[in-house]
Each structure stands twice: as structure tokens, then as C-alpha cells.
Amino acid sequence: MGAQRTVALSLDIESHLIWEQLPKGERSRRVREALSVAQLVLKRDEEIEYLRGFKTRALGEIKKLKISNLELRDFGCKCVIGNVSVGDLE
């Protein structure tokens, strides 16, 4: 069965010599394998970006809560948990 799609490769001289010695079926298998790996890399890149965004949002929320607590303390609010002042817990 002939090729259904054409793929263009840019190879250095050493890679080109190796490529030329591979049987055509092996070439196709290697291209499919490389595309599968590339797809996996793209998915992981997306996951990394999602987690970076999540981390940034979480750190921002922590900062807001700390500022809010400081503001409450500045207004004289004192929280007590189990007869222990929150300030003593820090």
C-alpha cells in the first residue's frame, strides 16, 4: 500500500544517512512514534501551564487572606480558638 500522507523532515547529514538506510516501513513506524511522543509532550505542556496558573491563583488567594487577617487585627479583632489566641498559634 502506498503512502497516504507525505511528511517533510529536516535532517542533519548524519541523521539523513541513517534515515536513508532504514526500510520504508521502519521509517513510517519511526514517524508515527515521534508524532505520538510529540502529542504526549503537548499534553504535558498544557498540564504544566494549568498547574502554573492554579499555583499563581492559590498564592494570590493566600496573600489576600493574610492581608485580610492583618487588617482585621489592625481594627482590634482578636480571634480565640480553644482559649488560645490566634497570635499565639503563629
N, C-alpha and C. Protein backbone atom coordinates (compact mmCIF):
# COMPACT_ATOMS: atom_id res chain seq x y z
N MET A 1 0.85 -1.17 0.00
CA MET A 1 0.00 0.00 0.00
C MET A 1 0.89 1.23 0.00
N GLY A 2 0.59 2.18 -0.84
CA GLY A 2 1.40 3.38 -0.95
C GLY A 2 1.14 4.34 0.19
N ALA A 3 1.97 5.34 0.29
CA ALA A 3 1.84 6.33 1.35
C ALA A 3 0.54 7.11 1.18
N GLN A 4 -0.14 7.33 2.29
CA GLN A 4 -1.38 8.10 2.26
C GLN A 4 -1.13 9.56 2.57
N ARG A 5 -0.05 9.84 3.24
CA ARG A 5 0.32 11.20 3.59
C ARG A 5 1.81 11.39 3.37
N THR A 6 2.20 12.63 3.17
CA THR A 6 3.61 12.93 2.99
C THR A 6 4.08 13.76 4.18
N VAL A 7 5.24 13.42 4.69
CA VAL A 7 5.82 14.14 5.82
C VAL A 7 7.16 14.69 5.37
N ALA A 8 7.41 15.97 5.65
CA ALA A 8 8.69 16.58 5.33
C ALA A 8 9.56 16.59 6.58
N LEU A 9 10.79 16.16 6.45
CA LEU A 9 11.73 16.15 7.56
C LEU A 9 12.93 17.01 7.23
N SER A 10 13.46 17.67 8.24
CA SER A 10 14.71 18.40 8.10
C SER A 10 15.73 17.65 8.94
N LEU A 11 16.71 17.07 8.29
CA LEU A 11 17.70 16.25 8.99
C LEU A 11 19.10 16.78 8.74
N ASP A 12 19.96 16.61 9.75
CA ASP A 12 21.36 16.92 9.51
C ASP A 12 21.96 15.77 8.69
N ILE A 13 23.19 15.89 8.27
CA ILE A 13 23.80 14.90 7.37
C ILE A 13 23.84 13.52 8.01
N GLU A 14 24.25 13.44 9.26
CA GLU A 14 24.33 12.14 9.94
C GLU A 14 22.96 11.47 10.04
N SER A 15 21.95 12.24 10.44
CA SER A 15 20.59 11.70 10.55
C SER A 15 20.06 11.27 9.19
N HIS A 16 20.37 12.05 8.16
CA HIS A 16 19.92 11.72 6.82
C HIS A 16 20.51 10.40 6.35
N LEU A 17 21.79 10.18 6.62
CA LEU A 17 22.41 8.91 6.24
C LEU A 17 21.75 7.73 6.94
N ILE A 18 21.45 7.89 8.21
CA ILE A 18 20.76 6.82 8.95
C ILE A 18 19.36 6.61 8.37
N TRP A 19 18.66 7.71 8.11
CA TRP A 19 17.29 7.65 7.57
C TRP A 19 17.27 6.89 6.25
N GLU A 20 18.21 7.17 5.40
CA GLU A 20 18.26 6.53 4.08
C GLU A 20 18.48 5.02 4.19
N GLN A 21 19.10 4.56 5.25
CA GLN A 21 19.37 3.14 5.40
C GLN A 21 18.21 2.38 6.03
N LEU A 22 17.22 3.11 6.56
CA LEU A 22 16.06 2.45 7.16
C LEU A 22 15.11 1.96 6.08
N PRO A 23 14.52 0.77 6.26
CA PRO A 23 13.47 0.34 5.32
C PRO A 23 12.27 1.28 5.43
N LYS A 24 11.51 1.42 4.35
CA LYS A 24 10.39 2.36 4.32
C LYS A 24 9.38 2.10 5.44
N GLY A 25 9.09 0.84 5.72
CA GLY A 25 8.16 0.53 6.80
C GLY A 25 8.68 1.00 8.15
N GLU A 26 9.97 0.87 8.34
CA GLU A 26 10.60 1.34 9.58
C GLU A 26 10.55 2.86 9.67
N ARG A 27 10.69 3.52 8.56
CA ARG A 27 10.60 4.98 8.53
C ARG A 27 9.22 5.42 9.01
N SER A 28 8.19 4.78 8.46
CA SER A 28 6.82 5.13 8.84
C SER A 28 6.59 4.89 10.33
N ARG A 29 7.09 3.77 10.83
CA ARG A 29 6.92 3.45 12.25
C ARG A 29 7.60 4.51 13.11
N ARG A 30 8.79 4.93 12.71
CA ARG A 30 9.52 5.94 13.47
C ARG A 30 8.81 7.29 13.46
N VAL A 31 8.23 7.65 12.32
CA VAL A 31 7.49 8.91 12.24
C VAL A 31 6.26 8.85 13.14
N ARG A 32 5.52 7.74 13.09
CA ARG A 32 4.34 7.60 13.96
C ARG A 32 4.74 7.67 15.43
N GLU A 33 5.83 7.03 15.77
CA GLU A 33 6.33 7.05 17.15
C GLU A 33 6.69 8.47 17.57
N ALA A 34 7.36 9.19 16.71
CA ALA A 34 7.75 10.58 17.02
C ALA A 34 6.52 11.47 17.19
N LEU A 35 5.50 11.26 16.37
CA LEU A 35 4.28 12.05 16.49
C LEU A 35 3.54 11.73 17.79
N SER A 36 3.56 10.48 18.20
CA SER A 36 2.93 10.10 19.48
C SER A 36 3.64 10.76 20.65
N VAL A 37 4.95 10.75 20.60
CA VAL A 37 5.74 11.39 21.67
C VAL A 37 5.46 12.90 21.67
N ALA A 38 5.41 13.49 20.49
CA ALA A 38 5.15 14.94 20.40
C ALA A 38 3.78 15.27 20.99
N GLN A 39 2.78 14.43 20.73
CA GLN A 39 1.43 14.65 21.28
C GLN A 39 1.45 14.57 22.80
N LEU A 40 2.19 13.60 23.34
CA LEU A 40 2.32 13.47 24.79
C LEU A 40 2.98 14.70 25.39
N VAL A 41 4.01 15.21 24.73
CA VAL A 41 4.70 16.42 25.20
C VAL A 41 3.74 17.60 25.21
N LEU A 42 2.93 17.75 24.17
CA LEU A 42 1.97 18.85 24.12
C LEU A 42 0.96 18.76 25.27
N LYS A 43 0.47 17.56 25.55
CA LYS A 43 -0.49 17.38 26.65
C LYS A 43 0.16 17.74 27.98
N ARG A 44 1.39 17.32 28.16
CA ARG A 44 2.08 17.63 29.42
C ARG A 44 2.36 19.12 29.53
N ASP A 45 2.69 19.77 28.41
CA ASP A 45 2.90 21.23 28.43
C ASP A 45 1.61 21.94 28.86
N GLU A 46 0.47 21.47 28.37
CA GLU A 46 -0.82 22.05 28.75
C GLU A 46 -1.07 21.85 30.24
N GLU A 47 -0.76 20.67 30.74
CA GLU A 47 -0.95 20.39 32.16
C GLU A 47 -0.05 21.28 33.02
N ILE A 48 1.17 21.46 32.59
CA ILE A 48 2.12 22.33 33.32
C ILE A 48 1.57 23.75 33.38
N GLU A 49 1.09 24.26 32.26
CA GLU A 49 0.55 25.63 32.24
C GLU A 49 -0.67 25.75 33.14
N TYR A 50 -1.54 24.73 33.13
CA TYR A 50 -2.72 24.75 34.01
C TYR A 50 -2.28 24.80 35.47
N LEU A 51 -1.30 23.95 35.85
CA LEU A 51 -0.84 23.91 37.23
C LEU A 51 -0.14 25.20 37.63
N ARG A 52 0.60 25.82 36.71
CA ARG A 52 1.22 27.11 37.00
C ARG A 52 0.16 28.16 37.29
N GLY A 53 -0.89 28.17 36.48
CA GLY A 53 -1.99 29.10 36.71
C GLY A 53 -2.68 28.85 38.04
N PHE A 54 -2.90 27.58 38.35
CA PHE A 54 -3.52 27.20 39.62
C PHE A 54 -2.66 27.66 40.79
N LYS A 55 -1.35 27.46 40.67
CA LYS A 55 -0.41 27.86 41.72
C LYS A 55 -0.45 29.38 41.91
N THR A 56 -0.46 30.11 40.81
CA THR A 56 -0.48 31.57 40.88
C THR A 56 -1.76 32.05 41.55
N ARG A 57 -2.90 31.45 41.17
CA ARG A 57 -4.18 31.84 41.79
C ARG A 57 -4.19 31.50 43.27
N ALA A 58 -3.67 30.33 43.64
CA ALA A 58 -3.64 29.91 45.05
C ALA A 58 -2.74 30.84 45.87
N LEU A 59 -1.58 31.19 45.34
CA LEU A 59 -0.68 32.10 46.06
C LEU A 59 -1.32 33.47 46.22
N GLY A 60 -2.04 33.92 45.21
CA GLY A 60 -2.76 35.20 45.30
C GLY A 60 -3.82 35.16 46.38
N GLU A 61 -4.54 34.04 46.46
CA GLU A 61 -5.58 33.89 47.48
C GLU A 61 -4.97 33.88 48.88
N ILE A 62 -3.85 33.21 49.04
CA ILE A 62 -3.14 33.19 50.33
C ILE A 62 -2.74 34.61 50.73
N LYS A 63 -2.19 35.35 49.77
CA LYS A 63 -1.76 36.73 50.04
C LYS A 63 -2.95 37.58 50.47
N LYS A 64 -4.09 37.45 49.77
CA LYS A 64 -5.28 38.22 50.12
C LYS A 64 -5.76 37.88 51.53
N LEU A 65 -5.75 36.59 51.87
CA LEU A 65 -6.21 36.18 53.19
C LEU A 65 -5.28 36.70 54.28
N LYS A 66 -3.98 36.69 54.04
CA LYS A 66 -3.03 37.22 55.03
C LYS A 66 -3.25 38.71 55.23
N ILE A 67 -3.44 39.44 54.13
CA ILE A 67 -3.69 40.88 54.22
C ILE A 67 -4.99 41.13 54.97
N SER A 68 -6.00 40.35 54.68
CA SER A 68 -7.30 40.49 55.34
C SER A 68 -7.16 40.25 56.84
N ASN A 69 -6.41 39.23 57.22
CA ASN A 69 -6.19 38.96 58.64
C ASN A 69 -5.45 40.10 59.32
N LEU A 70 -4.44 40.64 58.65
CA LEU A 70 -3.71 41.77 59.21
C LEU A 70 -4.62 42.97 59.40
N GLU A 71 -5.50 43.22 58.42
CA GLU A 71 -6.43 44.34 58.53
C GLU A 71 -7.39 44.14 59.69
N LEU A 72 -7.88 42.92 59.86
CA LEU A 72 -8.78 42.63 60.98
C LEU A 72 -8.08 42.86 62.31
N ARG A 73 -6.83 42.43 62.41
CA ARG A 73 -6.08 42.63 63.65
C ARG A 73 -5.85 44.12 63.91
N ASP A 74 -5.61 44.88 62.84
CA ASP A 74 -5.40 46.33 62.99
C ASP A 74 -6.65 47.01 63.56
N PHE A 75 -7.82 46.46 63.28
CA PHE A 75 -9.07 47.02 63.80
C PHE A 75 -9.39 46.48 65.19
N GLY A 76 -8.46 45.70 65.77
CA GLY A 76 -8.64 45.24 67.13
C GLY A 76 -9.38 43.92 67.25
N CYS A 77 -9.60 43.26 66.15
CA CYS A 77 -10.28 41.97 66.20
C CYS A 77 -9.28 40.94 66.71
N LYS A 78 -9.70 40.21 67.73
CA LYS A 78 -8.82 39.18 68.27
C LYS A 78 -9.60 37.88 68.27
N CYS A 79 -9.09 36.91 67.56
CA CYS A 79 -9.77 35.63 67.47
C CYS A 79 -9.18 34.68 68.51
N VAL A 80 -10.04 33.91 69.11
CA VAL A 80 -9.58 32.95 70.09
C VAL A 80 -10.12 31.58 69.71
N ILE A 81 -9.24 30.60 69.67
CA ILE A 81 -9.63 29.24 69.36
C ILE A 81 -9.22 28.36 70.53
N GLY A 82 -10.17 27.76 71.17
CA GLY A 82 -9.86 26.88 72.31
C GLY A 82 -9.07 27.58 73.39
N ASN A 83 -9.47 28.81 73.72
CA ASN A 83 -8.81 29.60 74.75
C ASN A 83 -7.35 29.95 74.41
N VAL A 84 -6.96 29.83 73.14
CA VAL A 84 -5.61 30.19 72.71
C VAL A 84 -5.76 31.27 71.65
N SER A 85 -5.12 32.38 71.83
CA SER A 85 -5.18 33.48 70.86
C SER A 85 -4.53 33.03 69.56
N VAL A 86 -5.11 33.45 68.45
CA VAL A 86 -4.56 33.10 67.13
C VAL A 86 -3.13 33.59 67.02
N GLY A 87 -2.83 34.74 67.59
CA GLY A 87 -1.46 35.26 67.56
C GLY A 87 -0.49 34.31 68.22
N ASP A 88 -0.94 33.61 69.25
CA ASP A 88 -0.08 32.64 69.93
C ASP A 88 0.16 31.40 69.10
N LEU A 89 -0.70 31.14 68.12
CA LEU A 89 -0.55 29.96 67.27
C LEU A 89 0.48 30.17 66.20
N GLU A 90 0.81 31.42 65.88
CA GLU A 90 1.73 31.70 64.78
C GLU A 90 3.16 31.58 65.19
